[in-house]
Amino acid sequence: MASPVLPRWRNLKTINRSLIRNLYFSFMALQLSTTSIVAGGGGGGGGQADDPLYSDVPKTRRSKLERKPYPTPMKVLIRRAKEEKKMRKVNPCRVLEHPPENGLLVPELIDVAHQVYRARESLLLGISKLVRLVPVLRCRFCFEVHIGPVGHQIHTCTGPKSGFRRAMHVWRRGHVQDVIYFPSCYHLYDRVGKPRVVHNERSSIQRIPAIVELCVQAGVHLEKYPVRRRKKPVYSVEGRILDFEPEADLSSLENDLQPSSFPLQFGSECKAEASSDQNSEENTAQSSVEINPGDEERLKDLGIRMLESWFEMISGAKKMMEKYTVWTCGYCPEVQVGPKGHKVRMCKASKHQSRDGMHAWQEATIDDIVGPNYVWHVQDPHGAPLDNNLKRYYGKSPALVELCVQAGAPVPHIYSSMMRLDVVPPDRDEVDLVA
């Protein structure tokens, strides 16, 4: 009787490794499924991850070498490019039918543009009053912002010589630009005829806030920022834009686009002008009245109005971004409103040497044109400062929302999960007792 053939030792090691690997991945899959069931609460279908209103604390990029995530998947972008190339071969000379690609305005977005512009102006005016009454702190060495009378003690400073301070922040008084930030972009006089700004024009073309440029391209008329309007669509010949409409016939179009109510301007960017809109006059009159520190009711009303302006500006900007293209660099905060990104060689982020200083343009999101500047949420402004050992129990929110909430406004439902209002942080002597 022949003896059985035993497997070699090398084969046994390979089999053992594969078994261990399969057991490990099976255990991890079981643990993930158990975690999702526990998070769902076993109740009425779907946990917090399935809730469209659920949003966890935003996380920063792990490294500056990483590129921003694409809002639209790359496969979808490649498919669109192939379809456009195929359409261009079938019909090389065609009239662009859909605005704003054909140079015309989107009619239903003209009112939205004016609403967003008014909301931004009232928002800046209201924030300038709130920062005088609600303490806003800013780190001297990094971009960290804190809303409250006493700065937090969380070790997150990345500024110069932060290692000598154990990453502790050094706080100073903050300003309006620390609460909300509007990145600038190049202003385009003709977004269809000349959609790009080259490197040699970087000093001759003025830069304005990107959200203002978005409103101007959507129909807002500002004398300080002239723009060319068209009455007839343009032609596309093998991908190139041809315009047969003389510019002299466009002078009468500017008067037609004048809004019946022009918003109140703010700051050094725009001087104050007359407004005939009744709602704008009421909001301006309410915001222009000085508020005493002890007047909690008027402070609360101002905070509620600022939240309404915030949501009006954000929702309107999202609607306009569905039609009007906005670009951002994948590695730096640069943005550009228009059909294409500019060609100014000013990128200093990762891998800029291989691009000769050019930006790596991709589709922008609402956070790219309106910097929310997330801050730690303080449940008790008059209590103890936030402790570094308890940071996993704290939530975050946009600095503007946190400012309005501390002014007395109710917490918006969309930010309640991000602020972690349902989490009760333990005391400092109870940290070791919490699992």
Protein backbone atom coordinates (compact mmCIF):
# COMPACT_ATOMS: atom_id res chain seq x y z
CA MET A 1 0.00 0.00 0.00
CA ALA A 2 1.44 3.35 -1.10
CA SER A 3 2.00 5.94 1.60
CA PRO A 4 0.02 9.22 1.27
CA VAL A 5 1.86 12.16 -0.25
CA LEU A 6 2.21 14.93 2.32
CA PRO A 7 2.27 18.60 1.19
CA ARG A 8 5.55 20.42 1.34
CA TRP A 9 6.35 22.91 4.11
CA ARG A 10 6.27 25.82 1.68
CA ASN A 11 2.78 24.84 0.57
CA LEU A 12 1.67 24.60 4.21
CA LYS A 13 2.95 28.13 4.89
CA THR A 14 1.06 29.47 1.87
CA ILE A 15 -2.13 27.69 2.94
CA ASN A 16 -1.81 29.01 6.50
CA ARG A 17 -1.30 32.57 5.27
CA SER A 18 -4.36 32.39 3.04
CA LEU A 19 -6.47 30.95 5.87
CA ILE A 20 -5.34 33.66 8.26
CA ARG A 21 -6.06 36.33 5.66
CA ASN A 22 -9.55 34.98 4.95
CA LEU A 23 -10.32 34.73 8.65
CA TYR A 24 -9.16 38.30 9.22
CA PHE A 25 -11.29 39.79 6.46
CA SER A 26 -14.29 37.73 7.57
CA PHE A 27 -13.89 39.04 11.11
CA MET A 28 -13.60 42.64 9.88
CA ALA A 29 -16.72 42.27 7.70
CA LEU A 30 -18.64 40.84 10.66
CA GLN A 31 -17.45 43.69 12.89
CA LEU A 32 -18.52 46.33 10.34
CA SER A 33 -21.93 44.78 9.92
CA THR A 34 -22.38 44.61 13.70
CA THR A 35 -21.35 48.27 14.02
CA SER A 36 -23.85 49.35 11.36
CA ILE A 37 -26.64 47.44 13.13
CA VAL A 38 -25.78 49.04 16.47
CA ALA A 39 -25.59 52.50 14.86
CA GLY A 40 -28.99 51.95 13.27
CA GLY A 41 -30.47 51.46 16.72
CA GLY A 42 -32.46 48.45 15.59
CA GLY A 43 -35.46 50.73 15.14
CA GLY A 44 -37.23 52.05 12.09
CA GLY A 45 -34.91 51.25 9.25
CA GLY A 46 -31.64 52.97 8.52
CA GLY A 47 -29.17 54.50 10.91
CA GLN A 48 -27.50 57.83 11.00
CA ALA A 49 -25.38 57.00 7.94
CA ASP A 50 -28.56 56.64 5.88
CA ASP A 51 -29.98 59.91 7.13
CA PRO A 52 -29.49 62.63 4.47
CA LEU A 53 -29.38 65.28 7.21
CA TYR A 54 -26.66 63.46 9.12
CA SER A 55 -23.23 65.05 8.74
CA ASP A 56 -20.31 64.15 10.90
CA VAL A 57 -17.54 66.47 12.04
CA PRO A 58 -15.66 67.56 8.88
CA LYS A 59 -12.17 66.20 8.58
CA THR A 60 -9.26 67.97 6.98
CA ARG A 61 -7.06 66.38 4.38
CA ARG A 62 -4.45 64.05 5.81
CA SER A 63 -1.64 65.58 3.80
CA LYS A 64 -1.17 68.58 1.57
CA LEU A 65 0.14 66.18 -1.06
CA GLU A 66 -3.33 64.71 -1.50
CA ARG A 67 -5.68 66.10 -4.09
CA LYS A 68 -9.18 67.27 -3.28
CA PRO A 69 -11.88 64.67 -3.97
CA TYR A 70 -13.78 65.05 -7.23
CA PRO A 71 -17.45 66.04 -6.71
CA THR A 72 -18.31 64.19 -9.95
CA PRO A 73 -16.73 60.74 -10.47
CA MET A 74 -13.97 60.56 -13.04
CA LYS A 75 -15.83 57.94 -15.08
CA VAL A 76 -18.75 60.34 -15.51
CA LEU A 77 -16.39 63.14 -16.60
CA ILE A 78 -14.72 60.87 -19.17
CA ARG A 79 -18.08 59.78 -20.54
CA ARG A 80 -19.21 63.39 -20.90
CA ALA A 81 -16.00 64.32 -22.73
CA LYS A 82 -16.45 61.42 -25.15
CA GLU A 83 -20.06 62.36 -25.85
CA GLU A 84 -19.10 65.99 -26.47
CA LYS A 85 -16.29 64.95 -28.82
CA LYS A 86 -18.64 62.66 -30.71
CA MET A 87 -21.26 65.41 -31.03
CA ARG A 88 -18.61 67.81 -32.29
CA LYS A 89 -17.67 65.38 -35.07
CA VAL A 90 -21.27 64.82 -36.11
CA ASN A 91 -22.14 68.52 -36.21
CA PRO A 92 -18.97 70.66 -36.28
CA CYS A 93 -20.85 73.95 -36.85
CA ARG A 94 -23.83 74.44 -34.57
CA VAL A 95 -25.66 77.10 -32.59
CA LEU A 96 -25.45 76.62 -28.85
CA GLU A 97 -29.02 76.45 -27.62
CA HIS A 98 -28.78 76.27 -23.85
CA PRO A 99 -27.66 79.21 -21.69
CA PRO A 100 -25.22 80.15 -20.31
CA GLU A 101 -22.97 78.22 -22.74
CA ASN A 102 -24.37 80.28 -25.63
CA GLY A 103 -23.55 83.63 -23.98
CA LEU A 104 -27.09 84.40 -22.80
CA LEU A 105 -28.36 84.62 -19.25
CA VAL A 106 -30.46 81.98 -17.54
CA PRO A 107 -33.78 83.83 -16.98
CA GLU A 108 -34.82 81.96 -13.84
CA LEU A 109 -31.47 82.62 -12.14
CA ILE A 110 -31.42 86.42 -12.50
CA ASP A 111 -33.61 86.95 -9.43
CA VAL A 112 -31.65 84.29 -7.56
CA ALA A 113 -28.41 86.16 -8.29
CA HIS A 114 -29.81 89.39 -6.84
CA GLN A 115 -31.07 87.54 -3.76
CA VAL A 116 -27.65 85.98 -3.17
CA TYR A 117 -25.93 89.32 -3.60
CA ARG A 118 -28.30 91.02 -1.13
CA ALA A 119 -27.93 88.15 1.33
CA ARG A 120 -24.14 88.43 1.22
CA GLU A 121 -24.20 92.18 1.85
CA SER A 122 -26.61 91.90 4.78
CA LEU A 123 -24.58 88.98 6.10
CA LEU A 124 -21.36 90.99 6.18
CA LEU A 125 -23.14 93.93 7.76
CA GLY A 126 -24.64 91.72 10.47
CA ILE A 127 -21.40 89.88 11.21
CA SER A 128 -19.61 93.20 11.71
CA LYS A 129 -22.09 93.91 14.52
CA LEU A 130 -22.06 90.42 16.04
CA VAL A 131 -18.27 90.29 16.41
CA ARG A 132 -18.48 93.35 18.68
CA LEU A 133 -20.88 91.57 21.05
CA VAL A 134 -19.88 87.89 20.80
CA PRO A 135 -16.15 87.22 21.37
CA VAL A 136 -14.29 85.86 18.32
CA LEU A 137 -10.74 84.62 18.83
CA ARG A 138 -8.06 83.81 16.26
CA CYS A 139 -4.74 82.04 16.73
CA ARG A 140 -1.67 84.20 16.16
CA PHE A 141 0.26 81.47 14.35
CA CYS A 142 -2.36 79.45 12.41
CA PHE A 143 -5.85 79.80 10.95
CA GLU A 144 -7.71 78.31 13.93
CA VAL A 145 -10.78 80.31 15.04
CA HIS A 146 -12.76 79.98 18.25
CA ILE A 147 -16.10 81.54 19.20
CA GLY A 148 -16.28 82.26 22.89
CA PRO A 149 -14.81 84.38 25.69
CA VAL A 150 -11.99 81.89 26.44
CA GLY A 151 -10.04 79.99 23.81
CA HIS A 152 -10.08 76.20 23.79
CA GLN A 153 -7.16 74.07 25.01
CA ILE A 154 -7.13 71.55 22.16
CA HIS A 155 -3.64 70.94 20.79
CA THR A 156 -4.19 71.49 17.08
CA CYS A 157 -1.87 74.38 16.24
CA THR A 158 0.28 73.85 13.13
CA GLY A 159 1.93 77.26 13.02
CA PRO A 160 5.61 78.17 13.43
CA LYS A 161 7.33 76.64 16.49
CA SER A 162 4.13 74.85 17.50
CA GLY A 163 6.22 71.98 18.86
CA PHE A 164 7.67 74.19 21.59
CA ARG A 165 4.11 75.06 22.68
CA ARG A 166 2.86 71.44 22.47
CA ALA A 167 0.60 72.60 19.60
CA MET A 168 -1.21 75.00 21.93
CA HIS A 169 -2.87 78.06 20.35
CA VAL A 170 -2.05 81.66 21.23
CA TRP A 171 -5.31 83.57 20.96
CA ARG A 172 -5.97 87.14 19.86
CA ARG A 173 -9.04 89.13 18.88
CA GLY A 174 -10.69 88.04 15.62
CA HIS A 175 -12.45 89.99 12.89
CA VAL A 176 -15.14 89.53 10.24
CA GLN A 177 -12.84 87.79 7.75
CA ASP A 178 -12.06 85.16 10.40
CA VAL A 179 -15.74 84.18 10.67
CA ILE A 180 -16.45 83.81 6.95
CA TYR A 181 -14.08 83.93 4.02
CA PHE A 182 -14.85 84.69 0.38
CA PRO A 183 -11.93 83.68 -1.91
CA SER A 184 -11.23 85.96 -4.86
CA CYS A 185 -11.07 85.19 -8.56
CA TYR A 186 -10.40 87.08 -11.78
CA HIS A 187 -13.28 89.12 -13.19
CA LEU A 188 -14.28 88.17 -16.75
CA TYR A 189 -15.64 90.89 -19.01
CA ASP A 190 -16.71 88.37 -21.68
CA ARG A 191 -17.14 84.89 -20.22
CA VAL A 192 -17.82 83.29 -23.62
CA GLY A 193 -15.62 85.28 -26.00
CA LYS A 194 -12.56 85.33 -23.72
CA PRO A 195 -13.03 82.79 -20.95
CA ARG A 196 -9.38 82.53 -19.89
CA VAL A 197 -6.98 84.93 -18.21
CA VAL A 198 -3.38 84.36 -19.32
CA HIS A 199 -0.30 84.86 -17.20
CA ASN A 200 0.64 88.23 -18.69
CA GLU A 201 -2.78 89.67 -17.74
CA ARG A 202 -2.55 88.80 -14.06
CA SER A 203 -1.87 92.41 -13.01
CA SER A 204 -4.21 94.21 -15.40
CA ILE A 205 -7.40 92.27 -14.56
CA GLN A 206 -8.96 92.93 -11.19
CA ARG A 207 -9.91 90.23 -8.70
CA ILE A 208 -13.23 90.17 -6.87
CA PRO A 209 -14.90 87.68 -4.50
CA ALA A 210 -15.89 84.55 -6.37
CA ILE A 211 -19.49 84.65 -5.19
CA VAL A 212 -19.79 88.26 -6.41
CA GLU A 213 -18.36 87.20 -9.79
CA LEU A 214 -20.90 84.37 -9.88
CA CYS A 215 -23.73 86.85 -9.26
CA VAL A 216 -22.38 89.24 -11.91
CA GLN A 217 -22.22 86.50 -14.52
CA ALA A 218 -25.74 85.39 -13.56
CA GLY A 219 -27.30 88.83 -14.13
CA VAL A 220 -26.32 91.31 -11.40
CA HIS A 221 -25.23 94.63 -12.90
CA LEU A 222 -22.46 96.50 -11.08
CA GLU A 223 -20.94 99.61 -12.58
CA LYS A 224 -17.62 98.86 -10.94
CA TYR A 225 -17.41 95.48 -12.68
CA PRO A 226 -18.56 95.85 -16.32
CA VAL A 227 -19.54 92.74 -18.22
CA ARG A 228 -20.64 92.06 -21.78
CA ARG A 229 -24.24 90.89 -22.27
CA ARG A 230 -25.58 89.31 -25.44
CA LYS A 231 -28.98 89.17 -27.13
CA LYS A 232 -28.17 86.43 -29.63
CA PRO A 233 -26.55 83.03 -29.03
CA VAL A 234 -23.03 82.30 -30.23
CA TYR A 235 -21.87 79.59 -32.66
CA SER A 236 -19.55 76.68 -31.97
CA VAL A 237 -17.31 75.67 -34.89
CA GLU A 238 -15.22 72.60 -34.03
CA GLY A 239 -15.14 73.63 -30.40
CA ARG A 240 -14.28 77.28 -31.05
CA ILE A 241 -16.72 80.04 -30.16
CA LEU A 242 -17.69 82.48 -32.94
CA ASP A 243 -19.75 85.60 -32.23
CA PHE A 244 -21.37 87.54 -35.08
CA GLU A 245 -23.10 90.09 -32.85
CA PRO A 246 -21.40 93.52 -32.82
CA GLU A 247 -20.61 94.89 -29.39
CA ALA A 248 -22.11 98.29 -30.26
CA ASP A 249 -25.62 96.82 -30.19
CA LEU A 250 -25.29 95.75 -26.56
CA SER A 251 -25.52 99.18 -24.91
CA SER A 252 -29.31 99.04 -24.59
CA LEU A 253 -29.16 95.62 -22.94
CA GLU A 254 -27.48 96.95 -19.80
CA ASN A 255 -30.47 99.14 -18.97
CA ASP A 256 -32.84 96.20 -19.35
CA LEU A 257 -30.94 94.21 -16.75
CA GLN A 258 -31.13 96.89 -14.08
CA PRO A 259 -32.97 95.42 -11.08
CA SER A 260 -35.94 97.25 -9.70
CA SER A 261 -34.29 97.18 -6.29
CA PHE A 262 -30.56 97.57 -5.88
CA PRO A 263 -29.00 96.20 -2.68
CA LEU A 264 -27.11 98.11 -0.07
CA GLN A 265 -23.39 97.82 -0.67
CA PHE A 266 -20.87 96.92 2.05
CA GLY A 267 -17.42 98.01 3.06
CA SER A 268 -14.61 99.15 0.84
CA GLU A 269 -15.68 96.92 -2.06
CA CYS A 270 -18.89 98.75 -2.87
CA LYS A 271 -20.17 102.13 -1.69
CA ALA A 272 -23.65 102.57 -0.30
CA GLU A 273 -26.32 103.18 -2.90
CA ALA A 274 -30.05 103.81 -2.76
CA SER A 275 -32.42 100.84 -2.46
CA SER A 276 -36.09 101.01 -3.37
CA ASP A 277 -36.93 97.49 -2.25
CA GLN A 278 -39.08 97.51 0.88
CA ASN A 279 -37.60 94.31 2.31
CA SER A 280 -34.06 95.55 1.76
CA GLU A 281 -34.88 98.82 3.50
CA GLU A 282 -36.38 97.00 6.47
CA ASN A 283 -33.40 94.65 6.83
CA THR A 284 -30.97 97.52 6.43
CA ALA A 285 -32.80 99.64 9.00
CA GLN A 286 -32.86 96.76 11.48
CA SER A 287 -29.18 95.96 10.95
CA SER A 288 -28.04 99.56 11.13
CA VAL A 289 -29.46 100.08 14.63
CA GLU A 290 -26.81 99.74 17.32
CA ILE A 291 -27.34 96.89 19.77
CA ASN A 292 -26.36 97.12 23.41
CA PRO A 293 -24.53 94.16 24.97
CA GLY A 294 -27.33 93.57 27.47
CA ASP A 295 -30.16 93.60 24.92
CA GLU A 296 -30.53 89.84 24.44
CA GLU A 297 -33.77 90.00 22.43
CA ARG A 298 -32.37 92.22 19.69
CA LEU A 299 -29.16 90.22 19.68
CA LYS A 300 -31.17 87.03 19.20
CA ASP A 301 -33.19 88.59 16.36
CA LEU A 302 -29.98 89.64 14.64
CA GLY A 303 -28.60 86.13 14.93
CA ILE A 304 -31.79 84.64 13.45
CA ARG A 305 -31.67 87.07 10.52
CA MET A 306 -28.03 86.23 9.89
CA LEU A 307 -28.85 82.52 9.76
CA GLU A 308 -31.66 83.23 7.28
CA SER A 309 -29.27 85.24 5.10
CA TRP A 310 -26.69 82.45 5.37
CA PHE A 311 -29.08 79.75 4.15
CA GLU A 312 -30.45 82.04 1.43
CA MET A 313 -26.95 82.74 0.15
CA ILE A 314 -25.86 79.09 0.26
CA SER A 315 -28.99 77.70 -1.41
CA GLY A 316 -28.95 80.37 -4.13
CA ALA A 317 -25.25 79.84 -4.84
CA LYS A 318 -25.82 76.10 -5.22
CA LYS A 319 -28.57 76.76 -7.78
CA MET A 320 -26.33 79.06 -9.80
CA MET A 321 -23.42 76.61 -9.67
CA GLU A 322 -25.59 74.01 -11.39
CA LYS A 323 -25.63 76.21 -14.52
CA TYR A 324 -22.58 78.47 -14.19
CA THR A 325 -19.33 76.55 -13.95
CA VAL A 326 -16.98 77.24 -11.05
CA TRP A 327 -13.47 75.77 -10.95
CA THR A 328 -11.05 75.19 -8.10
CA CYS A 329 -7.49 73.97 -7.92
CA GLY A 330 -7.11 70.41 -6.68
CA TYR A 331 -4.21 71.33 -4.42
CA CYS A 332 -4.68 74.99 -3.37
CA PRO A 333 -7.68 77.25 -2.52
CA GLU A 334 -7.64 79.15 -5.86
CA VAL A 335 -11.04 79.40 -7.60
CA GLN A 336 -12.25 80.77 -10.92
CA VAL A 337 -15.80 81.40 -12.13
CA GLY A 338 -16.22 80.81 -15.85
CA PRO A 339 -16.25 78.13 -18.54
CA LYS A 340 -12.53 77.46 -18.02
CA GLY A 341 -9.87 78.02 -15.40
CA HIS A 342 -7.28 80.75 -15.87
CA LYS A 343 -3.69 80.17 -17.01
CA VAL A 344 -1.91 82.29 -14.41
CA ARG A 345 1.09 80.39 -13.08
CA MET A 346 0.65 81.09 -9.40
CA CYS A 347 0.10 77.67 -7.80
CA LYS A 348 2.59 76.90 -5.02
CA ALA A 349 1.01 73.71 -3.75
CA SER A 350 2.13 70.12 -4.19
CA LYS A 351 3.62 69.09 -7.56
CA HIS A 352 3.43 72.63 -8.95
CA GLN A 353 6.89 72.24 -10.49
CA SER A 354 5.63 69.54 -12.83
CA ARG A 355 2.75 71.81 -13.89
CA ASP A 356 4.99 74.90 -14.31
CA GLY A 357 2.95 76.69 -11.64
CA MET A 358 -0.36 76.01 -13.40
CA HIS A 359 -3.39 75.04 -11.37
CA ALA A 360 -4.91 71.56 -11.50
CA TRP A 361 -8.48 72.65 -12.20
CA GLN A 362 -11.48 70.58 -11.19
CA GLU A 363 -15.14 71.14 -10.38
CA ALA A 364 -15.70 73.31 -7.30
CA THR A 365 -18.13 72.88 -4.44
CA ILE A 366 -19.96 75.43 -2.32
CA ASP A 367 -17.22 75.28 0.35
CA ASP A 368 -14.69 76.45 -2.24
CA ILE A 369 -16.41 79.79 -2.92
CA VAL A 370 -17.78 80.33 0.61
CA GLY A 371 -15.23 79.36 3.24
CA PRO A 372 -17.30 78.12 6.23
CA ASN A 373 -14.25 77.87 8.57
CA TYR A 374 -15.40 75.10 10.91
CA VAL A 375 -14.88 75.73 14.63
CA TRP A 376 -15.43 73.69 17.79
CA HIS A 377 -18.94 73.94 19.19
CA VAL A 378 -19.15 75.28 22.75
CA GLN A 379 -22.28 74.13 24.58
CA ASP A 380 -21.65 76.38 27.60
CA PRO A 381 -19.78 79.61 26.67
CA HIS A 382 -19.44 80.58 30.35
CA GLY A 383 -18.19 77.15 31.47
CA ALA A 384 -14.76 75.59 31.50
CA PRO A 385 -12.73 75.77 28.27
CA LEU A 386 -12.69 72.78 25.94
CA ASP A 387 -10.20 70.16 27.09
CA ASN A 388 -7.82 68.33 24.79
CA ASN A 389 -8.56 64.93 26.36
CA LEU A 390 -12.27 65.32 25.60
CA LYS A 391 -12.03 66.49 21.98
CA ARG A 392 -13.64 63.32 20.61
CA TYR A 393 -16.85 64.28 22.43
CA TYR A 394 -17.01 67.79 20.95
CA GLY A 395 -18.72 68.74 17.71
CA LYS A 396 -18.05 71.36 15.09
CA SER A 397 -20.02 73.84 13.03
CA PRO A 398 -19.34 76.73 10.64
CA ALA A 399 -18.03 79.77 12.47
CA LEU A 400 -21.00 81.87 11.33
CA VAL A 401 -23.51 79.33 12.65
CA GLU A 402 -21.65 79.08 15.96
CA LEU A 403 -21.59 82.88 16.21
CA CYS A 404 -25.36 83.12 15.64
CA VAL A 405 -26.10 80.26 18.05
CA GLN A 406 -24.11 81.92 20.83
CA ALA A 407 -25.99 85.14 20.05
CA GLY A 408 -29.23 83.33 20.94
CA ALA A 409 -30.47 81.88 17.64
CA PRO A 410 -31.82 78.31 17.69
CA VAL A 411 -29.55 75.56 16.37
CA PRO A 412 -30.40 74.71 12.73
CA HIS A 413 -31.53 71.13 12.34
CA ILE A 414 -29.05 70.49 9.55
CA TYR A 415 -26.12 71.19 11.91
CA SER A 416 -27.46 69.47 15.04
CA SER A 417 -25.66 66.17 14.35
CA MET A 418 -22.43 67.93 13.38
CA MET A 419 -22.49 69.81 16.69
CA ARG A 420 -23.07 66.52 18.55
CA LEU A 421 -25.79 67.97 20.71
CA ASP A 422 -26.86 64.48 21.78
CA VAL A 423 -23.42 63.74 23.26
CA VAL A 424 -22.77 64.59 26.91
CA PRO A 425 -19.01 65.01 27.43
CA PRO A 426 -17.70 63.59 30.71
CA ASP A 427 -15.84 65.60 33.30
CA ARG A 428 -12.07 65.68 33.32
CA ASP A 429 -11.86 63.23 36.23
CA GLU A 430 -14.25 60.83 34.47
CA VAL A 431 -12.26 60.35 31.26
CA ASP A 432 -10.65 57.11 32.40
CA LEU A 433 -14.02 55.68 33.38
CA VAL A 434 -15.57 56.10 29.93
CA ALA A 435 -15.10 53.26 27.46
